[in-house]
Amino acid sequence: MGAIQLKSDLRKIIERIDNEQLLQTVYDFLKQREDTKEGEFWKSLTDEQKNEIYLSYNEAEDDKSLIAWDSLKKKY
């Protein structure tokens, strides 16, 4: 998936979100990433946080461990 498609998909997702707190969280995350030099964010994490990210990534590779988008929307 290219950058143009990713931007388009992100816009669509954001347009469907009505939860202001969630939008603020996404905005803060993206803004922090925009202002941070590459690699600084990763270096700021503890080993435990890095391990948690690796674990989440590995779990996401298994479709059985993913939550359906509709279920997630209902929860939040």
N, C-alpha and C. Protein backbone atom coordinates (compact mmCIF):
# COMPACT_ATOMS: atom_id res chain seq x y z
N MET A 1 0.86 -1.18 0.00
CA MET A 1 0.00 0.00 0.00
C MET A 1 0.91 1.24 0.00
N GLY A 2 0.66 2.14 -0.91
CA GLY A 2 1.48 3.33 -1.02
C GLY A 2 1.01 4.45 -0.10
N ALA A 3 1.81 5.51 -0.08
CA ALA A 3 1.52 6.65 0.79
C ALA A 3 0.18 7.30 0.45
N ILE A 4 -0.13 7.42 -0.81
CA ILE A 4 -1.40 8.06 -1.21
C ILE A 4 -2.59 7.25 -0.70
N GLN A 5 -2.51 5.93 -0.85
CA GLN A 5 -3.61 5.07 -0.38
C GLN A 5 -3.71 5.10 1.13
N LEU A 6 -2.58 5.08 1.83
CA LEU A 6 -2.59 5.16 3.29
C LEU A 6 -3.23 6.46 3.77
N LYS A 7 -2.88 7.57 3.16
CA LYS A 7 -3.47 8.86 3.55
C LYS A 7 -4.97 8.86 3.31
N SER A 8 -5.38 8.32 2.19
CA SER A 8 -6.81 8.26 1.87
C SER A 8 -7.55 7.40 2.89
N ASP A 9 -6.99 6.25 3.22
CA ASP A 9 -7.63 5.36 4.19
C ASP A 9 -7.66 5.99 5.58
N LEU A 10 -6.60 6.68 5.96
CA LEU A 10 -6.58 7.37 7.26
C LEU A 10 -7.67 8.44 7.33
N ARG A 11 -7.81 9.20 6.26
CA ARG A 11 -8.86 10.24 6.23
C ARG A 11 -10.24 9.62 6.41
N LYS A 12 -10.47 8.51 5.74
CA LYS A 12 -11.78 7.84 5.84
C LYS A 12 -12.04 7.37 7.26
N ILE A 13 -11.03 6.79 7.89
CA ILE A 13 -11.18 6.31 9.26
C ILE A 13 -11.45 7.47 10.19
N ILE A 14 -10.66 8.52 10.07
CA ILE A 14 -10.81 9.69 10.95
C ILE A 14 -12.17 10.34 10.78
N GLU A 15 -12.66 10.40 9.56
CA GLU A 15 -13.97 11.00 9.32
C GLU A 15 -15.10 10.22 10.00
N ARG A 16 -14.90 8.93 10.22
CA ARG A 16 -15.95 8.11 10.85
C ARG A 16 -15.90 8.18 12.38
N ILE A 17 -14.84 8.72 12.94
CA ILE A 17 -14.68 8.77 14.40
C ILE A 17 -15.38 10.02 14.95
N ASP A 18 -16.26 9.82 15.91
CA ASP A 18 -16.96 10.93 16.55
C ASP A 18 -16.45 11.19 17.97
N ASN A 19 -15.65 10.29 18.49
CA ASN A 19 -15.14 10.39 19.85
C ASN A 19 -14.00 11.41 19.90
N GLU A 20 -14.27 12.56 20.53
CA GLU A 20 -13.28 13.64 20.55
C GLU A 20 -12.00 13.23 21.28
N GLN A 21 -12.14 12.47 22.34
CA GLN A 21 -10.97 12.03 23.10
C GLN A 21 -10.07 11.12 22.24
N LEU A 22 -10.69 10.22 21.50
CA LEU A 22 -9.93 9.34 20.62
C LEU A 22 -9.25 10.16 19.52
N LEU A 23 -9.96 11.11 18.95
CA LEU A 23 -9.36 11.96 17.92
C LEU A 23 -8.17 12.75 18.48
N GLN A 24 -8.30 13.25 19.70
CA GLN A 24 -7.21 13.99 20.33
C GLN A 24 -6.01 13.09 20.55
N THR A 25 -6.25 11.86 20.96
CA THR A 25 -5.17 10.90 21.17
C THR A 25 -4.44 10.60 19.87
N VAL A 26 -5.20 10.38 18.81
CA VAL A 26 -4.59 10.12 17.50
C VAL A 26 -3.80 11.34 17.04
N TYR A 27 -4.39 12.52 17.21
CA TYR A 27 -3.71 13.75 16.83
C TYR A 27 -2.40 13.92 17.60
N ASP A 28 -2.46 13.74 18.91
CA ASP A 28 -1.26 13.90 19.74
C ASP A 28 -0.17 12.91 19.33
N PHE A 29 -0.58 11.67 19.07
CA PHE A 29 0.38 10.66 18.64
C PHE A 29 1.05 11.06 17.33
N LEU A 30 0.24 11.45 16.35
CA LEU A 30 0.79 11.82 15.04
C LEU A 30 1.65 13.08 15.13
N LYS A 31 1.21 14.05 15.92
CA LYS A 31 1.95 15.29 16.07
C LYS A 31 3.31 15.02 16.72
N GLN A 32 3.31 14.17 17.73
CA GLN A 32 4.57 13.83 18.40
C GLN A 32 5.52 13.16 17.41
N ARG A 33 4.98 12.26 16.60
CA ARG A 33 5.81 11.57 15.60
C ARG A 33 6.34 12.55 14.57
N GLU A 34 5.56 13.54 14.20
CA GLU A 34 5.98 14.53 13.21
C GLU A 34 7.12 15.38 13.76
N ASP A 35 7.06 15.69 15.05
CA ASP A 35 8.04 16.58 15.67
C ASP A 35 9.29 15.85 16.16
N THR A 36 9.25 14.52 16.19
CA THR A 36 10.35 13.73 16.73
C THR A 36 11.24 13.23 15.60
N LYS A 37 12.53 13.33 15.80
CA LYS A 37 13.47 12.80 14.82
C LYS A 37 13.36 11.29 14.78
N GLU A 38 13.62 10.73 13.61
CA GLU A 38 13.50 9.29 13.43
C GLU A 38 14.37 8.54 14.43
N GLY A 39 13.77 7.57 15.10
CA GLY A 39 14.49 6.74 16.05
C GLY A 39 14.43 7.23 17.48
N GLU A 40 14.13 8.51 17.72
CA GLU A 40 14.09 9.05 19.08
C GLU A 40 12.98 8.43 19.92
N PHE A 41 11.85 8.23 19.30
CA PHE A 41 10.72 7.66 20.04
C PHE A 41 11.08 6.26 20.54
N TRP A 42 11.62 5.44 19.66
CA TRP A 42 11.98 4.07 20.02
C TRP A 42 13.01 4.07 21.15
N LYS A 43 13.98 4.95 21.05
CA LYS A 43 15.03 5.04 22.07
C LYS A 43 14.47 5.47 23.43
N SER A 44 13.35 6.18 23.41
CA SER A 44 12.77 6.67 24.66
C SER A 44 11.99 5.59 25.42
N LEU A 45 11.70 4.47 24.76
CA LEU A 45 10.93 3.41 25.38
C LEU A 45 11.80 2.55 26.28
N THR A 46 11.17 2.01 27.33
CA THR A 46 11.87 1.06 28.20
C THR A 46 11.92 -0.29 27.48
N ASP A 47 12.76 -1.19 27.97
CA ASP A 47 12.83 -2.53 27.38
C ASP A 47 11.49 -3.24 27.49
N GLU A 48 10.79 -3.02 28.60
CA GLU A 48 9.47 -3.63 28.78
C GLU A 48 8.49 -3.12 27.72
N GLN A 49 8.50 -1.82 27.45
CA GLN A 49 7.61 -1.25 26.44
C GLN A 49 7.95 -1.78 25.04
N LYS A 50 9.24 -1.89 24.75
CA LYS A 50 9.66 -2.44 23.46
C LYS A 50 9.20 -3.88 23.32
N ASN A 51 9.35 -4.68 24.38
CA ASN A 51 8.91 -6.07 24.34
C ASN A 51 7.41 -6.16 24.13
N GLU A 52 6.66 -5.26 24.74
CA GLU A 52 5.20 -5.24 24.57
C GLU A 52 4.83 -4.94 23.12
N ILE A 53 5.55 -4.05 22.49
CA ILE A 53 5.31 -3.73 21.08
C ILE A 53 5.62 -4.93 20.20
N TYR A 54 6.75 -5.58 20.46
CA TYR A 54 7.09 -6.78 19.69
C TYR A 54 6.02 -7.86 19.85
N LEU A 55 5.55 -8.06 21.08
CA LEU A 55 4.51 -9.04 21.35
C LEU A 55 3.23 -8.70 20.60
N SER A 56 2.84 -7.44 20.64
CA SER A 56 1.63 -7.00 19.94
C SER A 56 1.75 -7.22 18.44
N TYR A 57 2.93 -6.90 17.92
CA TYR A 57 3.16 -7.08 16.48
C TYR A 57 3.03 -8.56 16.10
N ASN A 58 3.64 -9.42 16.88
CA ASN A 58 3.57 -10.85 16.60
C ASN A 58 2.13 -11.37 16.70
N GLU A 59 1.39 -10.90 17.70
CA GLU A 59 -0.01 -11.31 17.84
C GLU A 59 -0.84 -10.83 16.65
N ALA A 60 -0.53 -9.66 16.14
CA ALA A 60 -1.29 -9.10 15.03
C ALA A 60 -1.07 -9.88 13.73
N GLU A 61 0.00 -10.63 13.66
CA GLU A 61 0.26 -11.45 12.49
C GLU A 61 -0.73 -12.62 12.40
N ASP A 62 -1.35 -12.98 13.52
CA ASP A 62 -2.32 -14.07 13.57
C ASP A 62 -3.73 -13.49 13.51
N ASP A 63 -4.43 -13.72 12.42
CA ASP A 63 -5.78 -13.16 12.24
C ASP A 63 -6.74 -13.55 13.35
N LYS A 64 -6.51 -14.70 13.98
CA LYS A 64 -7.41 -15.16 15.04
C LYS A 64 -7.34 -14.28 16.28
N SER A 65 -6.25 -13.56 16.46
CA SER A 65 -6.11 -12.73 17.65
C SER A 65 -6.57 -11.29 17.43
N LEU A 66 -7.02 -10.97 16.22
CA LEU A 66 -7.46 -9.61 15.92
C LEU A 66 -8.93 -9.42 16.29
N ILE A 67 -9.29 -8.18 16.58
CA ILE A 67 -10.66 -7.83 16.92
C ILE A 67 -11.30 -7.14 15.72
N ALA A 68 -12.50 -7.51 15.40
CA ALA A 68 -13.21 -6.91 14.27
C ALA A 68 -13.42 -5.42 14.50
N TRP A 69 -13.29 -4.65 13.45
CA TRP A 69 -13.44 -3.19 13.53
C TRP A 69 -14.79 -2.80 14.11
N ASP A 70 -15.86 -3.48 13.70
CA ASP A 70 -17.19 -3.17 14.22
C ASP A 70 -17.29 -3.39 15.72
N SER A 71 -16.66 -4.44 16.22
CA SER A 71 -16.67 -4.70 17.65
C SER A 71 -15.92 -3.61 18.41
N LEU A 72 -14.82 -3.20 17.85
CA LEU A 72 -14.02 -2.15 18.48
C LEU A 72 -14.77 -0.82 18.51
N LYS A 73 -15.46 -0.49 17.41
CA LYS A 73 -16.23 0.75 17.36
C LYS A 73 -17.32 0.76 18.42
N LYS A 74 -17.99 -0.38 18.60
CA LYS A 74 -19.07 -0.46 19.60
C LYS A 74 -18.52 -0.24 21.00
N LYS A 75 -17.32 -0.74 21.24
CA LYS A 75 -16.72 -0.62 22.57
C LYS A 75 -16.40 0.82 22.89
N TYR A 76 -15.96 1.56 21.93
CA TYR A 76 -15.55 2.95 22.18
C TYR A 76 -16.53 3.94 21.59
